[in-house]
Structures are given as C-alpha cells and as structure tokens.
C-alpha cells in the first residue's frame, strides 16, 4: 500500500503509514476491538480505517492483521484460509 501511495505523494504515504501504525498500536493496547465477523471465521473482527477494511484477530498477546481490503470489496469466508481462520 505504501508503494502505491508513494508513487503519487511520498508525504501522503508516510502520513498514512504513520497514522496506521499509531492506530494498530492503540488497538493492540486496547485488546478486543472492532466488529465481530465470526461468519468469516473464528475470532475475526473488522476495523474500518479511512477507506480500508482491516480484518484482524486479537489474542492475549497479539493483534494479527489477516486481510486488508478496500471498503467496496466484497469479502466472504472463502477469502480466509484455514490457517487464518
């Protein structure tokens, strides 16, 4: 994502990644967050940030980003492998 944005505006890419990093750190500190998306897989949660959807799983010591999708992209349980579910 960084490389794509940086083609047009390196500063915007830096800002986006910095904002995203701060948001993910905040999520990791808060623990369980986002909207439950159990229909996609066990423990999957959705966080919407800007025009992206972040599919995450939060455990006691880890926040894992399973998939990042554009807000208009259709996502189903088929988009998640057994290893991510």
PDB file of N, CA and C in Angstrom:
ATOM      1  N   UNK A   1       0.816  -1.165   0.000  1.00  0.00           N
ATOM      2  CA  UNK A   1       0.000   0.000   0.000  1.00  0.00           C
ATOM      3  C   UNK A   1       0.881   1.257   0.000  1.00  0.00           C
ATOM      4  N   UNK A   2       1.945   1.231   0.790  1.00  0.00           N
ATOM      5  CA  UNK A   2       2.846   2.384   0.855  1.00  0.00           C
ATOM      6  C   UNK A   2       3.386   2.731  -0.528  1.00  0.00           C
ATOM      7  N   UNK A   3       3.887   1.732  -1.232  1.00  0.00           N
ATOM      8  CA  UNK A   3       4.489   1.986  -2.554  1.00  0.00           C
ATOM      9  C   UNK A   3       3.486   2.592  -3.536  1.00  0.00           C
ATOM     10  N   UNK A   4       2.265   2.106  -3.474  1.00  0.00           N
ATOM     11  CA  UNK A   4       1.244   2.629  -4.380  1.00  0.00           C
ATOM     12  C   UNK A   4       0.986   4.116  -4.093  1.00  0.00           C
ATOM     13  N   UNK A   5       0.792   4.466  -2.841  1.00  0.00           N
ATOM     14  CA  UNK A   5       0.532   5.866  -2.477  1.00  0.00           C
ATOM     15  C   UNK A   5       1.759   6.720  -2.761  1.00  0.00           C
ATOM     16  N   UNK A   6       2.940   6.207  -2.466  1.00  0.00           N
ATOM     17  CA  UNK A   6       4.183   6.969  -2.637  1.00  0.00           C
ATOM     18  C   UNK A   6       4.466   7.329  -4.088  1.00  0.00           C
ATOM     19  N   UNK A   7       3.942   6.559  -5.034  1.00  0.00           N
ATOM     20  CA  UNK A   7       4.111   6.895  -6.454  1.00  0.00           C
ATOM     21  C   UNK A   7       3.553   8.284  -6.750  1.00  0.00           C
ATOM     22  N   UNK A   8       2.508   8.644  -6.034  1.00  0.00           N
ATOM     23  CA  UNK A   8       1.816   9.913  -6.272  1.00  0.00           C
ATOM     24  C   UNK A   8       2.206  10.989  -5.263  1.00  0.00           C
ATOM     25  N   UNK A   9       2.480  10.555  -4.021  1.00  0.00           N
ATOM     26  CA  UNK A   9       2.823  11.517  -2.976  1.00  0.00           C
ATOM     27  C   UNK A   9       3.566  10.819  -1.839  1.00  0.00           C
ATOM     28  N   UNK A  10       4.896  10.917  -1.821  1.00  0.00           N
ATOM     29  CA  UNK A  10       5.654  10.290  -0.737  1.00  0.00           C
ATOM     30  C   UNK A  10       5.222  10.778   0.647  1.00  0.00           C
ATOM     31  N   UNK A  11       4.909  12.054   0.791  1.00  0.00           N
ATOM     32  CA  UNK A  11       4.481  12.568   2.098  1.00  0.00           C
ATOM     33  C   UNK A  11       3.158  11.940   2.524  1.00  0.00           C
ATOM     34  N   UNK A  12       2.216  11.816   1.597  1.00  0.00           N
ATOM     35  CA  UNK A  12       0.936  11.181   1.920  1.00  0.00           C
ATOM     36  C   UNK A  12       1.142   9.729   2.331  1.00  0.00           C
ATOM     37  N   UNK A  13       2.047   9.042   1.671  1.00  0.00           N
ATOM     38  CA  UNK A  13       2.346   7.648   2.016  1.00  0.00           C
ATOM     39  C   UNK A  13       2.930   7.566   3.424  1.00  0.00           C
ATOM     40  N   UNK A  14       3.870   8.464   3.729  1.00  0.00           N
ATOM     41  CA  UNK A  14       4.449   8.497   5.084  1.00  0.00           C
ATOM     42  C   UNK A  14       3.382   8.785   6.130  1.00  0.00           C
ATOM     43  N   UNK A  15       2.519   9.756   5.843  1.00  0.00           N
ATOM     44  CA  UNK A  15       1.448  10.107   6.783  1.00  0.00           C
ATOM     45  C   UNK A  15       0.488   8.948   6.994  1.00  0.00           C
ATOM     46  N   UNK A  16       0.106   8.291   5.904  1.00  0.00           N
ATOM     47  CA  UNK A  16      -0.821   7.168   6.002  1.00  0.00           C
ATOM     48  C   UNK A  16      -0.225   6.047   6.848  1.00  0.00           C
ATOM     49  N   UNK A  17       1.003   5.677   6.556  1.00  0.00           N
ATOM     50  CA  UNK A  17       1.642   4.577   7.292  1.00  0.00           C
ATOM     51  C   UNK A  17       1.835   4.954   8.761  1.00  0.00           C
ATOM     52  N   UNK A  18       2.216   6.197   9.024  1.00  0.00           N
ATOM     53  CA  UNK A  18       2.372   6.647  10.411  1.00  0.00           C
ATOM     54  C   UNK A  18       1.058   6.597  11.169  1.00  0.00           C
ATOM     55  N   UNK A  19      -0.029   7.081  10.539  1.00  0.00           N
ATOM     56  CA  UNK A  19      -1.357   7.029  11.156  1.00  0.00           C
ATOM     57  C   UNK A  19      -1.785   5.589  11.416  1.00  0.00           C
ATOM     58  N   UNK A  20      -1.553   4.739  10.420  1.00  0.00           N
ATOM     59  CA  UNK A  20      -1.932   3.338  10.547  1.00  0.00           C
ATOM     60  C   UNK A  20      -1.139   2.652  11.659  1.00  0.00           C
ATOM     61  N   UNK A  21       0.142   2.928  11.743  1.00  0.00           N
ATOM     62  CA  UNK A  21       0.981   2.345  12.795  1.00  0.00           C
ATOM     63  C   UNK A  21       0.459   2.757  14.172  1.00  0.00           C
ATOM     64  N   UNK A  22       0.137   4.041  14.341  1.00  0.00           N
ATOM     65  CA  UNK A  22      -0.392   4.516  15.627  1.00  0.00           C
ATOM     66  C   UNK A  22      -1.729   3.862  15.952  1.00  0.00           C
ATOM     67  N   UNK A  23      -2.576   3.698  14.940  1.00  0.00           N
ATOM     68  CA  UNK A  23      -3.878   3.073  15.142  1.00  0.00           C
ATOM     69  C   UNK A  23      -3.720   1.608  15.564  1.00  0.00           C
ATOM     70  N   UNK A  24      -2.833   0.876  14.912  1.00  0.00           N
ATOM     71  CA  UNK A  24      -2.626  -0.534  15.256  1.00  0.00           C
ATOM     72  C   UNK A  24      -2.026  -0.673  16.659  1.00  0.00           C
ATOM     73  N   UNK A  25      -1.119   0.211  17.029  1.00  0.00           N
ATOM     74  CA  UNK A  25      -0.573   0.175  18.390  1.00  0.00           C
ATOM     75  C   UNK A  25      -1.667   0.431  19.414  1.00  0.00           C
ATOM     76  N   UNK A  26      -2.528   1.387  19.128  1.00  0.00           N
ATOM     77  CA  UNK A  26      -3.643   1.689  20.016  1.00  0.00           C
ATOM     78  C   UNK A  26      -4.563   0.477  20.150  1.00  0.00           C
ATOM     79  N   UNK A  27      -4.849  -0.179  19.031  1.00  0.00           N
ATOM     80  CA  UNK A  27      -5.691  -1.376  19.065  1.00  0.00           C
ATOM     81  C   UNK A  27      -5.063  -2.483  19.893  1.00  0.00           C
ATOM     82  N   UNK A  28      -3.775  -2.674  19.713  1.00  0.00           N
ATOM     83  CA  UNK A  28      -3.080  -3.727  20.453  1.00  0.00           C
ATOM     84  C   UNK A  28      -3.145  -3.460  21.954  1.00  0.00           C
ATOM     85  N   UNK A  29      -3.046  -2.199  22.342  1.00  0.00           N
ATOM     86  CA  UNK A  29      -3.121  -1.855  23.765  1.00  0.00           C
ATOM     87  C   UNK A  29      -4.528  -2.040  24.315  1.00  0.00           C
ATOM     88  N   UNK A  30      -5.545  -1.770  23.511  1.00  0.00           N
ATOM     89  CA  UNK A  30      -6.929  -1.870  23.968  1.00  0.00           C
ATOM     90  C   UNK A  30      -7.421  -3.314  24.022  1.00  0.00           C
ATOM     91  N   UNK A  31      -6.829  -4.183  23.238  1.00  0.00           N
ATOM     92  CA  UNK A  31      -7.282  -5.569  23.198  1.00  0.00           C
ATOM     93  C   UNK A  31      -8.439  -5.732  22.238  1.00  0.00           C
ATOM     94  N   UNK A  32      -9.489  -6.381  22.674  1.00  0.00           N
ATOM     95  CA  UNK A  32     -10.623  -6.700  21.819  1.00  0.00           C
ATOM     96  C   UNK A  32     -11.268  -5.423  21.292  1.00  0.00           C
ATOM     97  N   UNK A  33     -11.332  -5.310  19.997  1.00  0.00           N
ATOM     98  CA  UNK A  33     -11.901  -4.136  19.368  1.00  0.00           C
ATOM     99  C   UNK A  33     -12.459  -4.500  18.009  1.00  0.00           C
ATOM    100  N   UNK A  34     -13.123  -3.583  17.393  1.00  0.00           N
ATOM    101  CA  UNK A  34     -13.696  -3.840  16.087  1.00  0.00           C
ATOM    102  C   UNK A  34     -15.017  -4.576  16.200  1.00  0.00           C
ATOM    103  N   UNK A  35     -15.611  -4.841  15.061  1.00  0.00           N
ATOM    104  CA  UNK A  35     -16.895  -5.533  14.977  1.00  0.00           C
ATOM    105  C   UNK A  35     -16.654  -7.011  14.724  1.00  0.00           C
ATOM    106  N   UNK A  36     -17.341  -7.849  15.478  1.00  0.00           N
ATOM    107  CA  UNK A  36     -17.203  -9.292  15.293  1.00  0.00           C
ATOM    108  C   UNK A  36     -17.653  -9.690  13.891  1.00  0.00           C
ATOM    109  N   UNK A  37     -16.844 -10.525  13.239  1.00  0.00           N
ATOM    110  CA  UNK A  37     -17.167 -11.087  11.923  1.00  0.00           C
ATOM    111  C   UNK A  37     -16.993 -12.596  11.968  1.00  0.00           C
ATOM    112  N   UNK A  38     -17.591 -13.221  12.989  1.00  0.00           N
ATOM    113  CA  UNK A  38     -17.479 -14.669  13.180  1.00  0.00           C
ATOM    114  C   UNK A  38     -17.957 -15.450  11.962  1.00  0.00           C
ATOM    115  N   UNK A  39     -18.853 -14.850  11.154  1.00  0.00           N
ATOM    116  CA  UNK A  39     -19.339 -15.548   9.961  1.00  0.00           C
ATOM    117  C   UNK A  39     -18.227 -15.747   8.934  1.00  0.00           C
ATOM    118  N   UNK A  40     -17.134 -15.003   9.077  1.00  0.00           N
ATOM    119  CA  UNK A  40     -15.986 -15.145   8.166  1.00  0.00           C
ATOM    120  C   UNK A  40     -14.953 -16.132   8.693  1.00  0.00           C
ATOM    121  N   UNK A  41     -14.965 -16.361  10.012  1.00  0.00           N
ATOM    122  CA  UNK A  41     -14.011 -17.275  10.634  1.00  0.00           C
ATOM    123  C   UNK A  41     -13.941 -17.005  12.123  1.00  0.00           C
ATOM    124  N   UNK A  42     -13.462 -17.967  12.842  1.00  0.00           N
ATOM    125  CA  UNK A  42     -13.387 -17.875  14.297  1.00  0.00           C
ATOM    126  C   UNK A  42     -12.488 -16.717  14.724  1.00  0.00           C
ATOM    127  N   UNK A  43     -13.038 -15.841  15.553  1.00  0.00           N
ATOM    128  CA  UNK A  43     -12.251 -14.758  16.128  1.00  0.00           C
ATOM    129  C   UNK A  43     -11.946 -13.592  15.202  1.00  0.00           C
ATOM    130  N   UNK A  44     -12.494 -13.580  13.997  1.00  0.00           N
ATOM    131  CA  UNK A  44     -12.207 -12.490  13.060  1.00  0.00           C
ATOM    132  C   UNK A  44     -13.039 -11.273  13.429  1.00  0.00           C
ATOM    133  N   UNK A  45     -12.374 -10.126  13.447  1.00  0.00           N
ATOM    134  CA  UNK A  45     -13.020  -8.852  13.738  1.00  0.00           C
ATOM    135  C   UNK A  45     -12.697  -7.874  12.619  1.00  0.00           C
ATOM    136  N   UNK A  46     -13.558  -6.880  12.443  1.00  0.00           N
ATOM    137  CA  UNK A  46     -13.407  -5.891  11.381  1.00  0.00           C
ATOM    138  C   UNK A  46     -13.173  -4.517  11.985  1.00  0.00           C
ATOM    139  N   UNK A  47     -12.158  -3.852  11.471  1.00  0.00           N
ATOM    140  CA  UNK A  47     -11.896  -2.469  11.826  1.00  0.00           C
ATOM    141  C   UNK A  47     -11.888  -1.669  10.535  1.00  0.00           C
ATOM    142  N   UNK A  48     -12.685  -0.619  10.462  1.00  0.00           N
ATOM    143  CA  UNK A  48     -12.717   0.249   9.293  1.00  0.00           C
ATOM    144  C   UNK A  48     -11.841   1.453   9.590  1.00  0.00           C
ATOM    145  N   UNK A  49     -10.914   1.721   8.686  1.00  0.00           N
ATOM    146  CA  UNK A  49      -9.995   2.851   8.843  1.00  0.00           C
ATOM    147  C   UNK A  49      -9.807   3.499   7.483  1.00  0.00           C
ATOM    148  N   UNK A  50     -10.197   4.766   7.412  1.00  0.00           N
ATOM    149  CA  UNK A  50     -10.237   5.502   6.145  1.00  0.00           C
ATOM    150  C   UNK A  50     -11.099   4.705   5.175  1.00  0.00           C
ATOM    151  N   UNK A  51     -10.655   4.428   3.993  1.00  0.00           N
ATOM    152  CA  UNK A  51     -11.491   3.668   3.042  1.00  0.00           C
ATOM    153  C   UNK A  51     -11.066   2.210   2.951  1.00  0.00           C
ATOM    154  N   UNK A  52     -10.441   1.712   4.007  1.00  0.00           N
ATOM    155  CA  UNK A  52      -9.978   0.322   4.038  1.00  0.00           C
ATOM    156  C   UNK A  52     -10.672  -0.442   5.158  1.00  0.00           C
ATOM    157  N   UNK A  53     -10.782  -1.733   4.954  1.00  0.00           N
ATOM    158  CA  UNK A  53     -11.298  -2.632   5.989  1.00  0.00           C
ATOM    159  C   UNK A  53     -10.160  -3.553   6.410  1.00  0.00           C
ATOM    160  N   UNK A  54      -9.905  -3.574   7.683  1.00  0.00           N
ATOM    161  CA  UNK A  54      -8.857  -4.415   8.252  1.00  0.00           C
ATOM    162  C   UNK A  54      -9.531  -5.559   8.996  1.00  0.00           C
ATOM    163  N   UNK A  55      -9.251  -6.763   8.532  1.00  0.00           N
ATOM    164  CA  UNK A  55      -9.767  -7.957   9.184  1.00  0.00           C
ATOM    165  C   UNK A  55      -8.677  -8.438  10.118  1.00  0.00           C
ATOM    166  N   UNK A  56      -8.993  -8.467  11.411  1.00  0.00           N
ATOM    167  CA  UNK A  56      -7.978  -8.725  12.426  1.00  0.00           C
ATOM    168  C   UNK A  56      -8.414  -9.851  13.352  1.00  0.00           C
ATOM    169  N   UNK A  57      -7.448 -10.360  14.083  1.00  0.00           N
ATOM    170  CA  UNK A  57      -7.708 -11.297  15.177  1.00  0.00           C
ATOM    171  C   UNK A  57      -6.868 -10.823  16.353  1.00  0.00           C
ATOM    172  N   UNK A  58      -7.514 -10.695  17.502  1.00  0.00           N
ATOM    173  CA  UNK A  58      -6.826 -10.251  18.714  1.00  0.00           C
ATOM    174  C   UNK A  58      -6.781 -11.407  19.694  1.00  0.00           C
ATOM    175  N   UNK A  59      -5.574 -11.714  20.183  1.00  0.00           N
ATOM    176  CA  UNK A  59      -5.412 -12.698  21.251  1.00  0.00           C
ATOM    177  C   UNK A  59      -4.842 -11.972  22.463  1.00  0.00           C
ATOM    178  N   UNK A  60      -4.511 -12.715  23.512  1.00  0.00           N
ATOM    179  CA  UNK A  60      -3.980 -12.098  24.722  1.00  0.00           C
ATOM    180  C   UNK A  60      -2.723 -11.277  24.473  1.00  0.00           C
ATOM    181  N   UNK A  61      -1.890 -11.712  23.529  1.00  0.00           N
ATOM    182  CA  UNK A  61      -0.609 -11.023  23.336  1.00  0.00           C
ATOM    183  C   UNK A  61      -0.328 -10.608  21.894  1.00  0.00           C
ATOM    184  N   UNK A  62      -1.323 -10.758  21.006  1.00  0.00           N
ATOM    185  CA  UNK A  62      -1.067 -10.475  19.593  1.00  0.00           C
ATOM    186  C   UNK A  62      -2.291  -9.849  18.918  1.00  0.00           C
ATOM    187  N   UNK A  63      -2.029  -8.891  18.060  1.00  0.00           N
ATOM    188  CA  UNK A  63      -3.049  -8.390  17.135  1.00  0.00           C
ATOM    189  C   UNK A  63      -2.532  -8.749  15.753  1.00  0.00           C
ATOM    190  N   UNK A  64      -3.250  -9.628  15.059  1.00  0.00           N
ATOM    191  CA  UNK A  64      -2.836 -10.069  13.731  1.00  0.00           C
ATOM    192  C   UNK A  64      -3.754  -9.464  12.682  1.00  0.00           C
ATOM    193  N   UNK A  65      -3.170  -8.843  11.670  1.00  0.00           N
ATOM    194  CA  UNK A  65      -3.940  -8.343  10.547  1.00  0.00           C
ATOM    195  C   UNK A  65      -4.011  -9.486   9.535  1.00  0.00           C
ATOM    196  N   UNK A  66      -5.214  -9.989   9.303  1.00  0.00           N
ATOM    197  CA  UNK A  66      -5.407 -11.139   8.421  1.00  0.00           C
ATOM    198  C   UNK A  66      -5.575 -10.726   6.969  1.00  0.00           C
ATOM    199  N   UNK A  67      -6.230  -9.579   6.761  1.00  0.00           N
ATOM    200  CA  UNK A  67      -6.508  -9.135   5.397  1.00  0.00           C
ATOM    201  C   UNK A  67      -6.837  -7.651   5.427  1.00  0.00           C
ATOM    202  N   UNK A  68      -6.398  -6.941   4.393  1.00  0.00           N
ATOM    203  CA  UNK A  68      -6.746  -5.540   4.196  1.00  0.00           C
ATOM    204  C   UNK A  68      -7.475  -5.462   2.863  1.00  0.00           C
ATOM    205  N   UNK A  69      -8.642  -4.829   2.865  1.00  0.00           N
ATOM    206  CA  UNK A  69      -9.433  -4.741   1.637  1.00  0.00           C
ATOM    207  C   UNK A  69      -9.988  -3.329   1.495  1.00  0.00           C
ATOM    208  N   UNK A  70     -10.219  -2.932   0.262  1.00  0.00           N
ATOM    209  CA  UNK A  70     -10.891  -1.663   0.011  1.00  0.00           C
ATOM    210  C   UNK A  70     -12.320  -1.770   0.535  1.00  0.00           C
ATOM    211  N   UNK A  71     -12.865  -0.671   0.990  1.00  0.00           N
ATOM    212  CA  UNK A  71     -14.197  -0.665   1.570  1.00  0.00           C
ATOM    213  C   UNK A  71     -15.301  -1.178   0.675  1.00  0.00           C
ATOM    214  N   UNK A  72     -15.142  -1.101  -0.635  1.00  0.00           N
ATOM    215  CA  UNK A  72     -16.171  -1.566  -1.564  1.00  0.00           C
ATOM    216  C   UNK A  72     -15.975  -3.012  -2.013  1.00  0.00           C
ATOM    217  N   UNK A  73     -14.891  -3.631  -1.593  1.00  0.00           N
ATOM    218  CA  UNK A  73     -14.601  -5.004  -1.991  1.00  0.00           C
ATOM    219  C   UNK A  73     -15.465  -5.972  -1.183  1.00  0.00           C
ATOM    220  N   UNK A  74     -16.066  -6.945  -1.863  1.00  0.00           N
ATOM    221  CA  UNK A  74     -16.857  -7.970  -1.181  1.00  0.00           C
ATOM    222  C   UNK A  74     -15.935  -9.040  -0.613  1.00  0.00           C
ATOM    223  N   UNK A  75     -16.119  -9.353   0.666  1.00  0.00           N
ATOM    224  CA  UNK A  75     -15.305 -10.352   1.352  1.00  0.00           C
ATOM    225  C   UNK A  75     -16.227 -11.445   1.869  1.00  0.00           C
ATOM    226  N   UNK A  76     -15.817 -12.691   1.661  1.00  0.00           N
ATOM    227  CA  UNK A  76     -16.572 -13.838   2.170  1.00  0.00           C
ATOM    228  C   UNK A  76     -15.621 -14.729   2.962  1.00  0.00           C
ATOM    229  N   UNK A  77     -16.173 -15.753   3.578  1.00  0.00           N
ATOM    230  CA  UNK A  77     -15.333 -16.692   4.341  1.00  0.00           C
ATOM    231  C   UNK A  77     -14.319 -17.379   3.426  1.00  0.00           C
ATOM    232  N   UNK A  78     -14.580 -17.456   2.134  1.00  0.00           N
ATOM    233  CA  UNK A  78     -13.652 -18.074   1.185  1.00  0.00           C
ATOM    234  C   UNK A  78     -12.355 -17.262   1.058  1.00  0.00           C
ATOM    235  N   UNK A  79     -12.385 -15.987   1.454  1.00  0.00           N
ATOM    236  CA  UNK A  79     -11.203 -15.140   1.381  1.00  0.00           C
ATOM    237  C   UNK A  79     -10.188 -15.407   2.498  1.00  0.00           C
ATOM    238  N   UNK A  80     -10.580 -16.239   3.451  1.00  0.00           N
ATOM    239  CA  UNK A  80      -9.706 -16.556   4.576  1.00  0.00           C
ATOM    240  C   UNK A  80      -9.321 -18.033   4.524  1.00  0.00           C
ATOM    241  N   UNK A  81      -8.029 -18.286   4.559  1.00  0.00           N
ATOM    242  CA  UNK A  81      -7.546 -19.663   4.527  1.00  0.00           C
ATOM    243  C   UNK A  81      -7.780 -20.308   5.883  1.00  0.00           C
ATOM    244  N   UNK A  82      -7.674 -21.622   5.926  1.00  0.00           N
ATOM    245  CA  UNK A  82      -7.800 -22.329   7.201  1.00  0.00           C
ATOM    246  C   UNK A  82      -6.784 -21.843   8.208  1.00  0.00           C
ATOM    247  N   UNK A  83      -5.576 -21.520   7.775  1.00  0.00           N
ATOM    248  CA  UNK A  83      -4.545 -21.090   8.703  1.00  0.00           C
ATOM    249  C   UNK A  83      -4.844 -19.721   9.312  1.00  0.00           C
ATOM    250  N   UNK A  84      -5.660 -18.887   8.628  1.00  0.00           N
ATOM    251  CA  UNK A  84      -6.008 -17.597   9.197  1.00  0.00           C
ATOM    252  C   UNK A  84      -7.329 -17.655   9.965  1.00  0.00           C
ATOM    253  N   UNK A  85      -8.101 -18.717   9.784  1.00  0.00           N
ATOM    254  CA  UNK A  85      -9.408 -18.818  10.456  1.00  0.00           C
ATOM    255  C   UNK A  85      -9.324 -19.489  11.780  1.00  0.00           C
TER     256      UNK A  85
END
